[in-house]
Structure formats: C-alpha cells, structure tokens
C-alpha cells in the first residue's frame, strides 16, 4: 500500500492554525529525542496498539525506537512514514542535527526506507520541495492515548559575519518543538492529512476521532517517563562533555610538562658553558700560572663564549621561527639559485680541513615550494653539519634531482656517522652528536630542529641513512611548483 499527498502540507502550520495554538518551545534536538523515547516507553509498557503517523530523521537511533515499539506490540500496530523523494538531493532534516549536537546519542547510519525494519508500515510520499522537509513529527492515535510531538526548523537567516569576521551560519539553531495531548490539535492535523491524500491512494483508515480528554493516569506516567528520559540524555551529555574536558585538561597538562621540560633543558644548556667559563676564570687568577696554561684557559673561555652565543642565537631563531612560521608564505624558488652560493661560502672551510666539497644541481630542475627564505637556511644547516662531522681529508657531496612530484636534495658525507640508536633523536632540541670518545662537537643542537620546522611548513620530507664511522646521507624532498605541498614525513632509516 502506497500513499501520496495531492497538495503540499505543513504539520506545523496545521497546529498553529487552531484557535489558541500552543506556544512552541525553542529546545535542542536532544530534548526531541527524549520526548520520542518517553512516548515509546509508555506505549510499550501499556501495550497500546496505536496507529503512528510520523516523519523522523533517517538516522539509526530514531529507527531503533520505532523498531523497539513494533517488536513489542506486534502486528496490531500500523505506521505511516512520511518521506521525501530520495532521488532528490536531501537537505539536512531539522531534528537530524541531534546527531551532530549529541554524537554519543546517535549513529549516522541513514536508510532510504523503513520497509526492511517495519513490515507493517505504509510509506507516504512527499514532494521534494514539501514544507515538511523542515519538520519532524510523531503522532500517536489510539482510543486510550493520543499525542503529537512536532519539531519545526525555522528558515535560517542570511549568513552574516560576526564581530570576529567569521561567517555565522546558525548551524546550532534550536528547534521549535510542540508536545501536545489535546484532541482538538491532533484532530486538526489528522483532518489536514486526510484532505491532502490523493484520491487514487489506497484507502486507509483515517476516520479516527481523537479522545477529547486524555486519561489522567497515562498523563502522569508519560510525564514521569519524560523526566527519566531527559535525565538519562542529560547524564549522557554531561558524561561526554566531562570526557572532553578531561582530554583537554590532559592536553594542557602535557603541554605544560613539555614547556617545563623545554625550560629545564634550556637552563641546563645555558649553565654548562657558564660553569666552564667560571672554572677558567678561577684558574686564570692563580699566581703560579704558566703562559701555556694561561693560553689554554683563555682558549677555553673563548670557546665557551662562542658556545653560549651559538646557543642563545639558536634559541632566539627557533622561538621566532615557531612564532611566525604558520603565517609565513611559501615561495617558488630554484635550487640552482641557492645551492651554488651556499656551497661557495663553505669552500674555504672545506679546504682548510682538506675536505673535497662538490655539488651537482642541474639548472633544468623545476622550481620548488618552500617557506620564504627557508631553502637557504635548510641548505646552510645541513651542509654545515656535513662539513663539521667529516674528518680532515673526507668528502661531502650535494646532489639534486627530480623525484616524481618532488625535487630531491641530497647531502652525503664520509663523516663520523650516527649510531642506529641515535638516529631517532637527531631532530630533538639540543641534541648533539658525540663520538664514542664522548667528544663534543659544539653547536646549539638546534640546527636539525629548525630544518624540521621549515619542512613542516613547506610540505617537504627528510630521510636519514647513516652508519657509525661510515658517513651519513640526509635527503630532503620539497614539492615542485604545480604540486600541492603536503605535511612533512620524517623518515629515519
């Protein structure tokens, strides 16, 4: 049996058209759900075989309530389901926002038809532009008990900008909900449906007359169940919000712990050079100090001052980078415009150590995306490390080539290498490579951290291959112009 409506129909307008209409209340979709559940509870408890007229959201949570009723009462009940033509693009149903507002209360498993769940149901087809698109309702008709729950979603106001400049779409706009047990109101809706049904529709029993006054005992039970259901949903909402607040609090605690650890490391790193300098100054005050010793302590002071300066400069650079990086624009740049200049700057240092320094950067390579000014900083940090950790007489190569949608820049050296257990730590703040002899190569231990931050913003990646005493290879990939930059992928191999 199929039923169609010959003319457009609005249950909300039918209700508001009665004399002295009830006042709609602006309530949340969660309240609508609690009202529906309370009605189903009452029908099941009293085993009331009623005729139901309804239009509810397609989510599984709403269907499960009807399935619960029909499985309990059985075939003696009949359900008329008003449904919009699914061939048209469906706009969000009003009470369907209950799923968005209270995610633990619903499951997003929409179904195009209720037939598989409810064998004793009659579909009532509505036109795609029906006014009922903005309405959801449940009407219960039986000699013992009649009720109407109606939710109307008003038309959204035009999108307007808030004072913060963001567009306000009224997404969380509340529903206008009416919950009535009055026979005159329910009869008005039933008569309106009767007049709207097409003559060719199969005959349906809608000559029902609603009781004028509902039974007092049933009303008391209904109100009690509504309170229980609303309390249940409120507790679920509170539980979800509590969990969310706990997660946010844990995140804040983790951030605070990271901040404390960061400050602790900064203080430790700043204190170490100061301790060495204080020791050197104390020894310089010795009256029996010989010139070679004095020279050695002066060299210690000079080295530690450089270390302190490098650390402070690196910290300031990292702080400024982290503060401004998100808003820094990406620029199109060619490797052939940056790499040769940086390599030529480091040639004197390489020659001083007897290191063979060479590069291969084809001019035909495409441009790449990188943070403004960031490519030069990346090349400087990686090349500086390669030369610093390569012993006298070693070799350092810089090579560039195309790799899919990326341009690959490789820094390979024959230096001291990195132990496999240490590779995962090299991007950590203040980490400095030390040999087995525990030799400290100086530096702030922030260069690779800065490289990582720049690549995060540029959508590139970096991989590391290294063996102790056999050298290291750092491979940077940056997206070529024409490819959308993606998030960084750091691979330690």
Protein backbone atom coordinates (compact mmCIF):
# COMPACT_ATOMS: atom_id res chain seq x y z
CA UNK A 1 0.00 0.00 0.00
CA UNK A 2 1.36 3.41 -1.04
CA UNK A 3 0.06 6.84 -0.13
CA UNK A 4 0.79 10.14 -1.83
CA UNK A 5 -0.26 13.68 -0.96
CA UNK A 6 -2.11 15.66 -3.62
CA UNK A 7 -1.04 19.01 -2.16
CA UNK A 8 1.77 20.36 -0.06
CA UNK A 9 1.28 20.04 3.67
CA UNK A 10 2.83 21.52 6.79
CA UNK A 11 2.03 19.91 10.11
CA UNK A 12 3.44 22.96 11.87
CA UNK A 13 1.03 25.28 10.02
CA UNK A 14 -1.90 22.97 10.79
CA UNK A 15 -1.10 23.09 14.50
CA UNK A 16 -0.58 26.85 14.53
CA UNK A 17 -3.87 27.29 12.65
CA UNK A 18 -6.07 26.07 15.52
CA UNK A 19 -7.74 28.52 17.84
CA UNK A 20 -5.40 29.39 20.72
CA UNK A 21 -2.48 27.34 19.37
CA UNK A 22 0.15 26.00 21.76
CA UNK A 23 3.32 28.02 22.13
CA UNK A 24 6.35 26.33 20.55
CA UNK A 25 9.39 25.99 22.77
CA UNK A 26 12.91 26.56 21.49
CA UNK A 27 14.61 23.31 22.51
CA UNK A 28 17.53 21.13 21.48
CA UNK A 29 17.30 18.00 19.29
CA UNK A 30 18.30 16.01 22.37
CA UNK A 31 15.04 17.08 24.04
CA UNK A 32 13.09 15.93 21.00
CA UNK A 33 14.78 12.54 21.26
CA UNK A 34 13.89 12.26 24.94
CA UNK A 35 10.22 13.07 24.19
CA UNK A 36 10.03 10.41 21.47
CA UNK A 37 11.66 7.81 23.70
CA UNK A 38 9.27 8.58 26.57
CA UNK A 39 6.24 8.13 24.28
CA UNK A 40 7.58 4.79 23.01
CA UNK A 41 8.25 3.69 26.59
CA UNK A 42 4.63 4.44 27.54
CA UNK A 43 3.17 2.63 24.50
CA UNK A 44 5.28 -0.44 25.20
CA UNK A 45 4.57 -0.51 28.94
CA UNK A 46 0.82 -0.19 28.40
CA UNK A 47 0.90 -2.43 25.29
CA UNK A 48 -1.05 0.18 23.35
CA UNK A 49 -1.53 -0.88 19.72
CA UNK A 50 -1.68 2.53 18.06
CA UNK A 51 -1.56 3.95 14.57
CA UNK A 52 1.53 6.09 14.18
CA UNK A 53 1.94 8.93 11.70
CA UNK A 54 5.48 10.16 11.62
CA UNK A 55 8.33 11.81 9.86
CA UNK A 56 11.60 11.37 11.74
CA UNK A 57 15.26 11.69 10.75
CA UNK A 58 16.70 8.67 8.92
CA UNK A 59 19.47 8.02 11.42
CA UNK A 60 19.53 4.61 13.06
CA UNK A 61 18.89 5.99 16.54
CA UNK A 62 15.38 7.13 15.54
CA UNK A 63 14.55 3.97 13.62
CA UNK A 64 15.62 1.82 16.56
CA UNK A 65 12.94 3.44 18.74
CA UNK A 66 10.22 2.51 16.24
CA UNK A 67 11.64 -0.98 15.86
CA UNK A 68 11.58 -1.33 19.65
CA UNK A 69 7.88 -0.41 19.68
CA UNK A 70 6.79 -2.62 16.79
CA UNK A 71 8.72 -5.65 18.05
CA UNK A 72 6.99 -5.30 21.42
CA UNK A 73 3.43 -4.51 20.31
CA UNK A 74 3.49 -6.66 17.17
CA UNK A 75 1.43 -6.63 14.00
CA UNK A 76 -1.56 -4.91 15.59
CA UNK A 77 0.10 -1.50 15.13
CA UNK A 78 0.38 0.41 11.87
CA UNK A 79 3.00 3.02 10.98
CA UNK A 80 2.62 5.67 8.29
CA UNK A 81 6.03 7.15 7.44
CA UNK A 82 6.21 10.42 5.54
CA UNK A 83 9.35 10.51 3.42
CA UNK A 84 10.88 12.90 0.93
CA UNK A 85 11.71 11.58 -2.53
CA UNK A 86 15.26 10.22 -2.10
CA UNK A 87 16.10 10.80 -5.76
CA UNK A 88 16.47 14.49 -4.95
CA UNK A 89 19.38 15.93 -3.02
CA UNK A 90 18.32 15.91 0.60
CA UNK A 91 18.79 18.90 2.84
CA UNK A 92 19.65 18.24 6.48
CA UNK A 93 16.50 17.38 8.42
CA UNK A 94 15.74 19.60 11.41
CA UNK A 95 15.98 17.05 14.17
CA UNK A 96 18.68 15.21 12.30
CA UNK A 97 21.02 17.74 13.89
CA UNK A 98 20.63 15.71 17.07
CA UNK A 99 23.37 13.51 15.67
CA UNK A 100 25.72 16.49 15.29
CA UNK A 101 24.91 18.01 18.63
CA UNK A 102 24.97 14.82 20.70
CA UNK A 103 27.23 12.33 18.96
CA UNK A 104 27.05 9.66 21.70
CA UNK A 105 23.27 9.53 21.39
CA UNK A 106 23.11 8.59 17.75
CA UNK A 107 24.65 6.65 14.95
CA UNK A 108 24.97 8.06 11.47
CA UNK A 109 23.51 5.11 9.57
CA UNK A 110 20.86 6.66 7.35
CA UNK A 111 18.44 4.41 5.50
CA UNK A 112 16.44 5.32 2.43
CA UNK A 113 13.47 3.20 3.51
CA UNK A 114 11.94 1.87 6.68
CA UNK A 115 10.47 -1.19 4.96
CA UNK A 116 13.15 -3.71 5.99
CA UNK A 117 12.72 -2.80 9.65
CA UNK A 118 8.95 -2.29 9.75
CA UNK A 119 6.87 -4.77 7.72
CA UNK A 120 3.62 -3.14 8.95
CA UNK A 121 4.33 0.33 7.69
CA UNK A 122 2.92 2.45 4.87
CA UNK A 123 5.18 4.95 3.08
CA UNK A 124 3.64 8.37 2.48
CA UNK A 125 5.45 10.05 -0.40
CA UNK A 126 6.16 13.77 -0.19
CA UNK A 127 7.31 16.06 -2.97
CA UNK A 128 10.99 17.11 -2.89
CA UNK A 129 10.05 20.72 -2.14
CA UNK A 130 7.48 19.84 0.52
CA UNK A 131 7.16 22.16 3.50
CA UNK A 132 7.52 19.04 5.66
CA UNK A 133 11.19 18.99 4.70
CA UNK A 134 11.77 21.34 7.65
CA UNK A 135 9.58 19.31 10.03
CA UNK A 136 9.69 16.11 12.03
CA UNK A 137 6.78 14.73 13.99
CA UNK A 138 5.33 11.68 15.74
CA UNK A 139 1.53 11.41 16.04
CA UNK A 140 0.07 8.55 18.13
CA UNK A 141 -3.57 7.58 17.54
CA UNK A 142 -5.38 5.08 19.76
CA UNK A 143 -8.65 5.03 21.78
CA UNK A 144 -6.65 5.05 25.03
CA UNK A 145 -3.99 7.60 24.18
CA UNK A 146 -3.32 10.28 21.55
CA UNK A 147 -0.36 12.59 21.32
CA UNK A 148 1.64 14.78 18.95
CA UNK A 149 5.31 15.65 19.09
CA UNK A 150 6.31 18.19 16.47
CA UNK A 151 9.67 19.77 15.67
CA UNK A 152 9.95 22.64 13.21
CA UNK A 153 13.25 24.06 12.00
CA UNK A 154 12.81 27.73 11.08
CA UNK A 155 14.41 29.10 7.96
CA UNK A 156 17.98 30.09 8.63
CA UNK A 157 18.81 33.74 8.50
CA UNK A 158 21.15 35.02 5.83
CA UNK A 159 24.76 34.27 6.52
CA UNK A 160 26.31 37.19 8.29
CA UNK A 161 29.76 37.95 9.63
CA UNK A 162 30.34 38.11 13.33
CA UNK A 163 32.46 40.73 15.03
CA UNK A 164 35.44 38.37 14.69
CA UNK A 165 34.98 38.26 10.93
CA UNK A 166 33.76 34.64 10.85
CA UNK A 167 30.59 33.70 8.99
CA UNK A 168 27.69 32.74 11.22
CA UNK A 169 25.57 30.03 9.59
CA UNK A 170 23.27 29.39 12.59
CA UNK A 171 24.25 25.72 12.42
CA UNK A 172 23.28 25.16 16.04
CA UNK A 173 19.95 26.91 15.69
CA UNK A 174 17.45 25.29 18.14
CA UNK A 175 14.21 23.61 17.04
CA UNK A 176 10.71 24.88 17.72
CA UNK A 177 9.11 21.91 19.50
CA UNK A 178 5.44 21.32 20.36
CA UNK A 179 4.35 18.43 22.59
CA UNK A 180 0.56 18.19 22.80
CA UNK A 181 -2.05 15.75 24.15
CA UNK A 182 -5.02 17.93 23.15
CA UNK A 183 -7.55 16.12 20.97
CA UNK A 184 -8.52 19.27 19.03
CA UNK A 185 -4.93 19.86 17.89
CA UNK A 186 -4.28 16.24 16.95
CA UNK A 187 -7.63 16.07 15.11
CA UNK A 188 -6.70 19.21 13.13
CA UNK A 189 -3.52 17.53 11.91
CA UNK A 190 -5.32 14.28 11.08
CA UNK A 191 -8.01 16.14 9.11
CA UNK A 192 -5.35 18.07 7.21
CA UNK A 193 -3.64 14.83 6.20
CA UNK A 194 -6.99 13.33 5.15
CA UNK A 195 -7.68 16.29 2.84
CA UNK A 196 -4.18 16.16 1.32
CA UNK A 197 -4.21 12.47 0.37
CA UNK A 198 -4.64 11.82 -3.37
CA UNK A 199 -7.89 10.12 -4.40
CA UNK A 200 -6.01 7.30 -6.14
CA UNK A 201 -4.16 6.34 -2.97
CA UNK A 202 -5.14 3.05 -1.40
CA UNK A 203 -7.91 3.51 1.18
CA UNK A 204 -6.55 3.97 4.67
CA UNK A 205 -8.42 4.09 7.98
CA UNK A 206 -8.19 7.78 8.91
CA UNK A 207 -11.76 8.27 10.13
CA UNK A 208 -10.38 8.07 13.66
CA UNK A 209 -11.70 10.57 16.23
CA UNK A 210 -9.34 11.62 18.97
CA UNK A 211 -10.46 11.43 22.61
CA UNK A 212 -11.21 14.91 23.93
CA UNK A 213 -9.51 14.43 27.28
CA UNK A 214 -6.52 12.09 27.81
CA UNK A 215 -6.56 9.69 30.72
CA UNK A 216 -5.03 11.23 33.83
CA UNK A 217 -3.12 8.09 34.82
CA UNK A 218 -1.50 7.83 31.41
CA UNK A 219 -0.53 11.51 31.51
CA UNK A 220 1.14 11.05 34.88
CA UNK A 221 3.08 8.06 33.61
CA UNK A 222 4.07 9.92 30.46
CA UNK A 223 5.39 12.92 32.38
CA UNK A 224 7.39 10.64 34.67
CA UNK A 225 8.93 8.84 31.69
CA UNK A 226 9.76 12.15 30.01
CA UNK A 227 11.63 13.25 33.11
CA UNK A 228 13.52 9.96 33.27
CA UNK A 229 14.45 10.04 29.58
CA UNK A 230 15.53 13.68 29.71
CA UNK A 231 17.63 12.95 32.78
CA UNK A 232 19.22 9.97 31.02
CA UNK A 233 20.15 12.06 27.98
CA UNK A 234 21.41 14.90 30.17
CA UNK A 235 23.67 12.47 32.02
CA UNK A 236 25.00 11.14 28.72
CA UNK A 237 25.69 14.67 27.50
CA UNK A 238 27.40 15.55 30.77
CA UNK A 239 29.50 12.38 30.55
CA UNK A 240 30.61 13.26 27.03
CA UNK A 241 31.41 16.84 27.97
CA UNK A 242 33.27 15.67 31.08
CA UNK A 243 35.35 13.29 28.98
CA UNK A 244 36.09 16.07 26.51
CA UNK A 245 37.11 18.44 29.29
CA UNK A 246 39.32 15.76 30.81
CA UNK A 247 41.01 15.25 27.45
CA UNK A 248 41.53 18.99 27.05
CA UNK A 249 42.88 19.21 30.59
CA UNK A 250 45.28 16.33 29.87
CA UNK A 251 46.44 18.06 26.71
CA UNK A 252 47.08 21.25 28.66
CA UNK A 253 49.00 19.30 31.30
CA UNK A 254 51.07 17.63 28.59
CA UNK A 255 51.84 21.00 27.00
CA UNK A 256 52.76 22.41 30.40
CA UNK A 257 55.01 19.41 31.04
CA UNK A 258 56.69 19.86 27.65
CA UNK A 259 57.16 23.54 28.40
CA UNK A 260 58.73 22.75 31.79
CA UNK A 261 61.00 20.15 30.21
CA UNK A 262 61.96 22.61 27.49
CA UNK A 263 62.82 25.32 30.04
CA UNK A 264 64.77 22.80 32.08
CA UNK A 265 66.82 21.83 29.04
CA UNK A 266 67.40 25.48 28.13
CA UNK A 267 68.65 26.28 31.62
CA UNK A 268 70.90 23.22 31.61
CA UNK A 269 72.35 24.12 28.22
CA UNK A 270 72.98 27.73 29.30
CA UNK A 271 74.51 26.70 32.61
CA UNK A 272 77.10 24.31 31.15
CA UNK A 273 79.16 26.94 29.26
CA UNK A 274 78.91 29.31 32.23
CA UNK A 275 80.34 26.62 34.51
CA UNK A 276 83.29 26.11 32.18
CA UNK A 277 83.88 29.84 31.94
CA UNK A 278 83.77 30.27 35.69
CA UNK A 279 86.28 27.44 36.10
CA UNK A 280 88.62 29.01 33.55
CA UNK A 281 88.38 32.43 35.24
CA UNK A 282 89.20 30.89 38.63
CA UNK A 283 92.29 29.17 37.19
CA UNK A 284 93.42 32.35 35.48
CA UNK A 285 93.63 34.02 38.91
CA UNK A 286 96.32 31.56 40.03
CA UNK A 287 99.65 33.42 40.68
CA UNK A 288 101.73 30.43 39.56
CA UNK A 289 100.01 30.08 36.17
CA UNK A 290 102.41 29.48 33.31
CA UNK A 291 101.91 31.10 29.87
CA UNK A 292 100.87 27.86 28.07
CA UNK A 293 98.28 27.17 30.76
CA UNK A 294 97.03 30.74 30.61
CA UNK A 295 96.70 30.43 26.85
CA UNK A 296 94.75 27.18 27.22
CA UNK A 297 92.29 28.69 29.71
CA UNK A 298 91.83 31.76 27.53
CA UNK A 299 91.05 29.47 24.62
CA UNK A 300 88.53 27.64 26.84
CA UNK A 301 86.87 30.96 27.67
CA UNK A 302 86.71 31.91 24.01
CA UNK A 303 85.27 28.52 23.03
CA UNK A 304 82.63 28.58 25.76
CA UNK A 305 81.63 32.16 24.91
CA UNK A 306 81.14 31.06 21.32
CA UNK A 307 79.10 28.10 22.55
CA UNK A 308 76.95 30.37 24.71
CA UNK A 309 76.43 32.80 21.87
CA UNK A 310 75.56 29.99 19.46
CA UNK A 311 73.02 28.59 21.91
CA UNK A 312 71.31 31.92 22.58
CA UNK A 313 71.25 32.80 18.87
CA UNK A 314 69.80 29.38 18.03
CA UNK A 315 67.14 29.68 20.72
CA UNK A 316 66.06 33.12 19.56
CA UNK A 317 65.97 31.91 15.97
CA UNK A 318 63.87 28.87 16.88
CA UNK A 319 61.43 30.88 19.02
CA UNK A 320 60.97 33.47 16.27
CA UNK A 321 60.58 30.73 13.67
CA UNK A 322 57.90 28.86 15.65
CA UNK A 323 56.04 32.09 16.33
CA UNK A 324 55.99 33.35 12.75
CA UNK A 325 56.20 30.19 10.67
CA UNK A 326 52.46 29.50 10.41
CA UNK A 327 51.81 32.86 8.79
CA UNK A 328 54.88 32.76 6.54
CA UNK A 329 54.02 32.43 2.87
CA UNK A 330 55.50 29.79 0.57
CA UNK A 331 57.56 31.00 -2.36
CA UNK A 332 58.63 29.47 -5.63
CA UNK A 333 62.42 29.11 -5.75
CA UNK A 334 65.00 27.23 -7.81
CA UNK A 335 67.73 25.14 -6.23
CA UNK A 336 70.21 26.37 -8.81
CA UNK A 337 69.76 29.90 -7.45
CA UNK A 338 70.52 28.96 -3.84
CA UNK A 339 72.76 25.89 -3.54
CA UNK A 340 75.84 27.12 -5.52
CA UNK A 341 76.09 30.31 -3.45
CA UNK A 342 75.93 28.44 -0.12
CA UNK A 343 78.48 25.83 -1.28
CA UNK A 344 80.94 28.53 -2.40
CA UNK A 345 80.62 30.15 1.05
CA UNK A 346 81.70 26.89 2.71
CA UNK A 347 84.51 26.08 0.25
CA UNK A 348 87.20 27.88 2.34
CA UNK A 349 86.22 25.92 5.46
CA UNK A 350 86.26 22.65 3.50
CA UNK A 351 89.68 23.45 2.02
CA UNK A 352 91.02 24.27 5.49
CA UNK A 353 90.03 20.75 6.61
CA UNK A 354 91.18 19.15 3.37
CA UNK A 355 87.61 18.10 2.55
CA UNK A 356 86.57 17.63 -1.07
CA UNK A 357 83.29 19.57 -1.41
CA UNK A 358 81.29 19.26 -4.63
CA UNK A 359 77.73 19.78 -5.83
CA UNK A 360 75.53 18.80 -8.77
CA UNK A 361 72.40 20.88 -9.30
CA UNK A 362 71.01 20.74 -12.87
CA UNK A 363 69.67 24.11 -14.00
CA UNK A 364 66.68 22.43 -15.70
CA UNK A 365 65.22 21.26 -12.39
CA UNK A 366 61.75 22.70 -11.75
CA UNK A 367 61.14 25.31 -9.09
CA UNK A 368 60.07 24.10 -5.65
CA UNK A 369 57.77 25.40 -2.91
CA UNK A 370 59.46 26.48 0.29
CA UNK A 371 58.99 28.93 3.15
CA UNK A 372 60.22 32.36 2.15
CA UNK A 373 63.96 32.37 2.81
CA UNK A 374 63.75 28.82 4.19
CA UNK A 375 65.60 26.93 1.43
CA UNK A 376 68.86 28.79 2.08
CA UNK A 377 68.54 28.09 5.81
CA UNK A 378 67.94 24.38 5.16
CA UNK A 379 70.98 24.12 2.88
CA UNK A 380 73.20 26.04 5.33
CA UNK A 381 72.27 23.87 8.33
CA UNK A 382 72.66 20.53 6.53
CA UNK A 383 75.87 21.49 4.70
CA UNK A 384 77.38 22.94 7.88
CA UNK A 385 76.69 19.66 9.73
CA UNK A 386 78.17 17.56 6.91
CA UNK A 387 81.44 19.50 6.96
CA UNK A 388 81.60 19.74 10.76
CA UNK A 389 81.22 15.99 11.29
CA UNK A 390 83.54 14.96 8.44
CA UNK A 391 87.19 14.46 9.48
CA UNK A 392 90.09 16.02 7.59
CA UNK A 393 90.56 14.56 4.16
CA UNK A 394 86.93 13.45 3.84
CA UNK A 395 84.35 14.16 1.15
CA UNK A 396 80.99 15.97 1.04
CA UNK A 397 78.60 15.89 -1.93
CA UNK A 398 75.44 17.88 -2.58
CA UNK A 399 73.22 16.49 -5.33
CA UNK A 400 69.79 17.43 -6.64
CA UNK A 401 67.41 15.53 -8.92
CA UNK A 402 63.75 15.20 -9.79
CA UNK A 403 61.77 12.52 -7.94
CA UNK A 404 58.13 12.30 -9.06
CA UNK A 405 56.33 15.47 -7.99
CA UNK A 406 59.23 16.41 -5.74
CA UNK A 407 62.73 17.75 -6.16
CA UNK A 408 65.21 15.80 -4.08
CA UNK A 409 68.27 17.40 -2.49
CA UNK A 410 70.86 15.02 -1.03
CA UNK A 411 73.70 15.79 1.41
CA UNK A 412 76.17 12.90 1.63
CA UNK A 413 79.41 12.80 3.61
CA UNK A 414 82.11 10.40 4.74
CA UNK A 415 81.96 11.67 8.30
CA UNK A 416 81.69 10.06 11.72
CA UNK A 417 78.18 8.78 11.05
CA UNK A 418 75.36 8.28 13.54
CA UNK A 419 74.70 5.18 15.61
CA UNK A 420 71.41 3.46 14.73
CA UNK A 421 70.13 4.00 18.27
CA UNK A 422 70.74 7.76 17.97
CA UNK A 423 69.08 8.45 14.60
CA UNK A 424 65.62 8.86 16.13
CA UNK A 425 66.97 11.62 18.44
CA UNK A 426 68.78 13.87 15.99
CA UNK A 427 65.78 16.17 15.38
CA UNK A 428 65.24 16.73 19.12
CA UNK A 429 66.05 20.15 20.55
CA UNK A 430 69.60 20.46 21.99
CA UNK A 431 70.63 17.02 20.77
CA UNK A 432 74.33 16.99 19.80
CA UNK A 433 76.16 14.09 18.22
CA UNK A 434 79.04 12.74 20.27
CA UNK A 435 81.55 10.09 19.25
CA UNK A 436 82.37 7.01 21.27
CA UNK A 437 85.09 9.08 22.92
CA UNK A 438 82.32 11.46 24.05
CA UNK A 439 83.82 14.31 22.04
CA UNK A 440 81.53 17.34 21.95
CA UNK A 441 81.42 19.00 18.53
CA UNK A 442 79.84 22.13 19.93
CA UNK A 443 76.84 23.92 18.48
CA UNK A 444 73.44 24.52 19.99
CA UNK A 445 71.87 21.26 18.86
CA UNK A 446 69.06 23.22 17.19
CA UNK A 447 70.03 23.14 13.51
CA UNK A 448 68.10 19.99 12.57
CA UNK A 449 65.15 21.10 14.70
CA UNK A 450 64.97 24.29 12.62
CA UNK A 451 65.24 22.28 9.39
CA UNK A 452 62.36 20.11 10.56
CA UNK A 453 60.18 23.12 11.37
CA UNK A 454 60.84 24.67 7.95
CA UNK A 455 59.95 21.42 6.20
CA UNK A 456 56.75 21.05 8.19
CA UNK A 457 55.55 24.37 6.83
CA UNK A 458 56.83 23.74 3.30
CA UNK A 459 55.21 20.32 2.91
CA UNK A 460 58.52 18.55 2.35
CA UNK A 461 60.14 15.50 3.88
CA UNK A 462 63.54 14.43 5.14
CA UNK A 463 65.09 10.98 5.46
CA UNK A 464 68.33 9.93 7.10
CA UNK A 465 70.64 6.99 6.35
CA UNK A 466 73.79 6.59 8.41
CA UNK A 467 76.26 4.11 9.82
CA UNK A 468 78.75 4.83 12.55
CA UNK A 469 82.18 5.82 11.13
CA UNK A 470 80.90 5.34 7.55
CA UNK A 471 79.18 8.66 6.93
CA UNK A 472 75.61 9.96 6.63
CA UNK A 473 73.14 10.87 3.92
CA UNK A 474 70.37 13.42 4.55
CA UNK A 475 67.78 13.52 1.77
CA UNK A 476 65.34 16.42 1.58
CA UNK A 477 62.31 16.39 -0.70
CA UNK A 478 60.40 19.55 -1.50
CA UNK A 479 57.25 19.73 -3.66
CA UNK A 480 57.81 21.06 -7.15
CA UNK A 481 55.76 24.03 -8.30
CA UNK A 482 52.46 22.73 -9.63
CA UNK A 483 52.14 20.14 -6.85
CA UNK A 484 50.25 20.92 -3.65
CA UNK A 485 52.58 20.94 -0.63
CA UNK A 486 51.75 18.19 1.87
CA UNK A 487 52.54 17.59 5.51
CA UNK A 488 56.05 16.59 6.42
CA UNK A 489 57.06 12.95 6.59
CA UNK A 490 60.25 12.42 8.57
CA UNK A 491 61.82 9.06 7.90
CA UNK A 492 64.73 7.81 9.97
CA UNK A 493 66.38 4.81 8.42
